[in-house]
Amino acid sequence: MHTFFKFLGFLFTVLFTLGAVVQYNDPDAFLWIIIYAIAALISLLFTLDKIGYILPMILGILGLIGFTYLYPSDFQGFDLNDGDIKTVELGREAFGLLIIALVLLLFAFRIKKASKI
């Protein structure tokens, strides 16, 4: 695998692990710790070249669906001073899923492309 993608996989392993750690004070912490931990695990497996493209593809698509479902109709930004706490929280969660989805889909496409070479 190309060095850039190994670095990217390692970077997102670290970032998603940190994302899981900072969820401890979230109202639904357990759910989000699991989501970020799974994203970190997939990133690690991608870095180590130990995963096929199907699982990241499925999880990436589920992340896009989750983003669409959670995205608030009246998005007010990410800062609690910008609006209603519930709307801001939903926006943060939605965009977290979007980041996870885009990264996992990138990994899936890279694995698929690398398998054709």
C-alpha atoms as a PDB file:
ATOM      1  CA  MET A   1       0.000   0.000   0.000  1.00  0.00           C
ATOM      2  CA  HIS A   2       1.202   3.482  -0.780  1.00  0.00           C
ATOM      3  CA  THR A   3       2.951   5.271   2.114  1.00  0.00           C
ATOM      4  CA  PHE A   4       0.508   8.190   2.000  1.00  0.00           C
ATOM      5  CA  PHE A   5      -2.465   5.893   2.621  1.00  0.00           C
ATOM      6  CA  LYS A   6      -0.650   4.065   5.419  1.00  0.00           C
ATOM      7  CA  PHE A   7      -0.024   7.430   7.057  1.00  0.00           C
ATOM      8  CA  LEU A   8      -3.661   8.440   6.504  1.00  0.00           C
ATOM      9  CA  GLY A   9      -4.870   5.165   8.037  1.00  0.00           C
ATOM     10  CA  PHE A  10      -2.635   5.644  11.066  1.00  0.00           C
ATOM     11  CA  LEU A  11      -3.689   9.292  11.427  1.00  0.00           C
ATOM     12  CA  PHE A  12      -7.377   8.400  11.442  1.00  0.00           C
ATOM     13  CA  THR A  13      -6.743   5.501  13.821  1.00  0.00           C
ATOM     14  CA  VAL A  14      -5.373   8.047  16.281  1.00  0.00           C
ATOM     15  CA  LEU A  15      -8.061  10.676  15.581  1.00  0.00           C
ATOM     16  CA  PHE A  16     -10.975   8.243  15.877  1.00  0.00           C
ATOM     17  CA  THR A  17      -9.482   6.806  19.075  1.00  0.00           C
ATOM     18  CA  LEU A  18      -9.291  10.322  20.503  1.00  0.00           C
ATOM     19  CA  GLY A  19     -12.868  10.854  19.309  1.00  0.00           C
ATOM     20  CA  ALA A  20     -13.954   7.796  21.291  1.00  0.00           C
ATOM     21  CA  VAL A  21     -12.106   8.960  24.406  1.00  0.00           C
ATOM     22  CA  VAL A  22     -13.694  12.434  24.474  1.00  0.00           C
ATOM     23  CA  GLN A  23     -17.215  10.994  24.315  1.00  0.00           C
ATOM     24  CA  TYR A  24     -17.194  10.137  28.030  1.00  0.00           C
ATOM     25  CA  ASN A  25     -19.312  13.178  28.980  1.00  0.00           C
ATOM     26  CA  ASP A  26     -21.791  12.877  26.114  1.00  0.00           C
ATOM     27  CA  PRO A  27     -25.419  12.141  27.070  1.00  0.00           C
ATOM     28  CA  ASP A  28     -25.313   8.985  24.928  1.00  0.00           C
ATOM     29  CA  ALA A  29     -21.612   8.304  25.462  1.00  0.00           C
ATOM     30  CA  PHE A  30     -21.642   4.516  25.079  1.00  0.00           C
ATOM     31  CA  LEU A  31     -23.112   4.653  21.564  1.00  0.00           C
ATOM     32  CA  TRP A  32     -20.595   7.227  20.352  1.00  0.00           C
ATOM     33  CA  ILE A  33     -17.633   5.516  21.999  1.00  0.00           C
ATOM     34  CA  ILE A  34     -18.581   2.346  20.111  1.00  0.00           C
ATOM     35  CA  ILE A  35     -19.023   4.229  16.811  1.00  0.00           C
ATOM     36  CA  TYR A  36     -15.647   5.979  17.042  1.00  0.00           C
ATOM     37  CA  ALA A  37     -13.916   2.835  18.321  1.00  0.00           C
ATOM     38  CA  ILE A  38     -15.196   0.840  15.334  1.00  0.00           C
ATOM     39  CA  ALA A  39     -13.990   3.579  12.978  1.00  0.00           C
ATOM     40  CA  ALA A  40     -10.578   3.493  14.709  1.00  0.00           C
ATOM     41  CA  LEU A  41     -10.422  -0.296  14.402  1.00  0.00           C
ATOM     42  CA  ILE A  42     -11.302  -0.193  10.689  1.00  0.00           C
ATOM     43  CA  SER A  43      -8.634   2.489  10.201  1.00  0.00           C
ATOM     44  CA  LEU A  44      -6.060   0.353  11.993  1.00  0.00           C
ATOM     45  CA  LEU A  45      -6.944  -2.716   9.934  1.00  0.00           C
ATOM     46  CA  PHE A  46      -6.667  -0.588   6.790  1.00  0.00           C
ATOM     47  CA  THR A  47      -3.221   0.624   7.887  1.00  0.00           C
ATOM     48  CA  LEU A  48      -2.086  -2.955   8.502  1.00  0.00           C
ATOM     49  CA  ASP A  49      -3.582  -4.149   5.189  1.00  0.00           C
ATOM     50  CA  LYS A  50      -5.792  -6.650   7.042  1.00  0.00           C
ATOM     51  CA  ILE A  51      -9.264  -5.760   5.747  1.00  0.00           C
ATOM     52  CA  GLY A  52     -11.195  -6.097   2.505  1.00  0.00           C
ATOM     53  CA  TYR A  53     -13.214  -3.316   0.962  1.00  0.00           C
ATOM     54  CA  ILE A  54     -16.705  -4.583   1.813  1.00  0.00           C
ATOM     55  CA  LEU A  55     -16.822  -3.761   5.544  1.00  0.00           C
ATOM     56  CA  PRO A  56     -15.538  -0.181   5.202  1.00  0.00           C
ATOM     57  CA  MET A  57     -17.918   0.295   2.257  1.00  0.00           C
ATOM     58  CA  ILE A  58     -20.953  -0.903   4.226  1.00  0.00           C
ATOM     59  CA  LEU A  59     -20.031   1.109   7.322  1.00  0.00           C
ATOM     60  CA  GLY A  60     -19.330   4.175   5.183  1.00  0.00           C
ATOM     61  CA  ILE A  61     -22.762   3.935   3.574  1.00  0.00           C
ATOM     62  CA  LEU A  62     -24.353   3.472   7.005  1.00  0.00           C
ATOM     63  CA  GLY A  63     -22.468   6.569   8.164  1.00  0.00           C
ATOM     64  CA  LEU A  64     -23.924   8.576   5.270  1.00  0.00           C
ATOM     65  CA  ILE A  65     -27.404   7.338   6.160  1.00  0.00           C
ATOM     66  CA  GLY A  66     -26.786   8.265   9.809  1.00  0.00           C
ATOM     67  CA  PHE A  67     -25.611  11.736   8.772  1.00  0.00           C
ATOM     68  CA  THR A  68     -28.781  12.257   6.749  1.00  0.00           C
ATOM     69  CA  TYR A  69     -30.921  11.013   9.623  1.00  0.00           C
ATOM     70  CA  LEU A  70     -29.250  13.098  12.343  1.00  0.00           C
ATOM     71  CA  TYR A  71     -28.658  16.330  10.418  1.00  0.00           C
ATOM     72  CA  PRO A  72     -30.926  18.929  12.071  1.00  0.00           C
ATOM     73  CA  SER A  73     -33.374  20.757   9.833  1.00  0.00           C
ATOM     74  CA  ASP A  74     -32.336  24.028  11.464  1.00  0.00           C
ATOM     75  CA  PHE A  75     -28.559  23.562  11.725  1.00  0.00           C
ATOM     76  CA  GLN A  76     -27.170  26.345  13.922  1.00  0.00           C
ATOM     77  CA  GLY A  77     -23.455  25.629  13.940  1.00  0.00           C
ATOM     78  CA  PHE A  78     -21.123  23.781  16.289  1.00  0.00           C
ATOM     79  CA  ASP A  79     -20.658  26.303  19.092  1.00  0.00           C
ATOM     80  CA  LEU A  80     -23.106  26.110  22.002  1.00  0.00           C
ATOM     81  CA  ASN A  81     -23.389  29.909  21.887  1.00  0.00           C
ATOM     82  CA  ASP A  82     -24.710  29.671  18.317  1.00  0.00           C
ATOM     83  CA  GLY A  83     -28.066  28.120  19.160  1.00  0.00           C
ATOM     84  CA  ASP A  84     -30.131  25.499  20.912  1.00  0.00           C
ATOM     85  CA  ILE A  85     -27.981  22.889  22.673  1.00  0.00           C
ATOM     86  CA  LYS A  86     -29.976  19.965  21.211  1.00  0.00           C
ATOM     87  CA  THR A  87     -29.643  21.264  17.644  1.00  0.00           C
ATOM     88  CA  VAL A  88     -25.928  21.963  18.077  1.00  0.00           C
ATOM     89  CA  GLU A  89     -25.409  18.463  19.537  1.00  0.00           C
ATOM     90  CA  LEU A  90     -27.254  16.849  16.615  1.00  0.00           C
ATOM     91  CA  GLY A  91     -25.164  18.868  14.164  1.00  0.00           C
ATOM     92  CA  ARG A  92     -21.938  17.766  15.833  1.00  0.00           C
ATOM     93  CA  GLU A  93     -23.006  14.126  15.851  1.00  0.00           C
ATOM     94  CA  ALA A  94     -24.158  14.281  12.227  1.00  0.00           C
ATOM     95  CA  PHE A  95     -20.902  15.776  11.002  1.00  0.00           C
ATOM     96  CA  GLY A  96     -18.912  13.265  13.066  1.00  0.00           C
ATOM     97  CA  LEU A  97     -20.705  10.511  11.174  1.00  0.00           C
ATOM     98  CA  LEU A  98     -20.049  12.301   7.890  1.00  0.00           C
ATOM     99  CA  ILE A  99     -16.305  12.411   8.600  1.00  0.00           C
ATOM    100  CA  ILE A 100     -16.307   8.727   9.539  1.00  0.00           C
ATOM    101  CA  ALA A 101     -18.309   7.850   6.430  1.00  0.00           C
ATOM    102  CA  LEU A 102     -16.049   9.772   4.047  1.00  0.00           C
ATOM    103  CA  VAL A 103     -12.881   8.286   5.551  1.00  0.00           C
ATOM    104  CA  LEU A 104     -14.202   4.717   5.480  1.00  0.00           C
ATOM    105  CA  LEU A 105     -15.446   5.126   1.905  1.00  0.00           C
ATOM    106  CA  LEU A 106     -12.046   6.473   0.884  1.00  0.00           C
ATOM    107  CA  PHE A 107     -10.420   3.430   2.488  1.00  0.00           C
ATOM    108  CA  ALA A 108     -12.881   1.081   0.748  1.00  0.00           C
ATOM    109  CA  PHE A 109     -12.220   2.602  -2.675  1.00  0.00           C
ATOM    110  CA  ARG A 110      -8.467   2.513  -2.071  1.00  0.00           C
ATOM    111  CA  ILE A 111      -8.576  -1.165  -1.069  1.00  0.00           C
ATOM    112  CA  LYS A 112     -10.706  -1.999  -4.115  1.00  0.00           C
ATOM    113  CA  LYS A 113      -8.379  -0.076  -6.436  1.00  0.00           C
ATOM    114  CA  ALA A 114      -5.264  -1.643  -4.914  1.00  0.00           C
ATOM    115  CA  SER A 115      -6.722  -5.148  -5.368  1.00  0.00           C
ATOM    116  CA  LYS A 116      -7.057  -4.563  -9.129  1.00  0.00           C
ATOM    117  CA  ILE A 117      -3.390  -3.649  -9.541  1.00  0.00           C
END
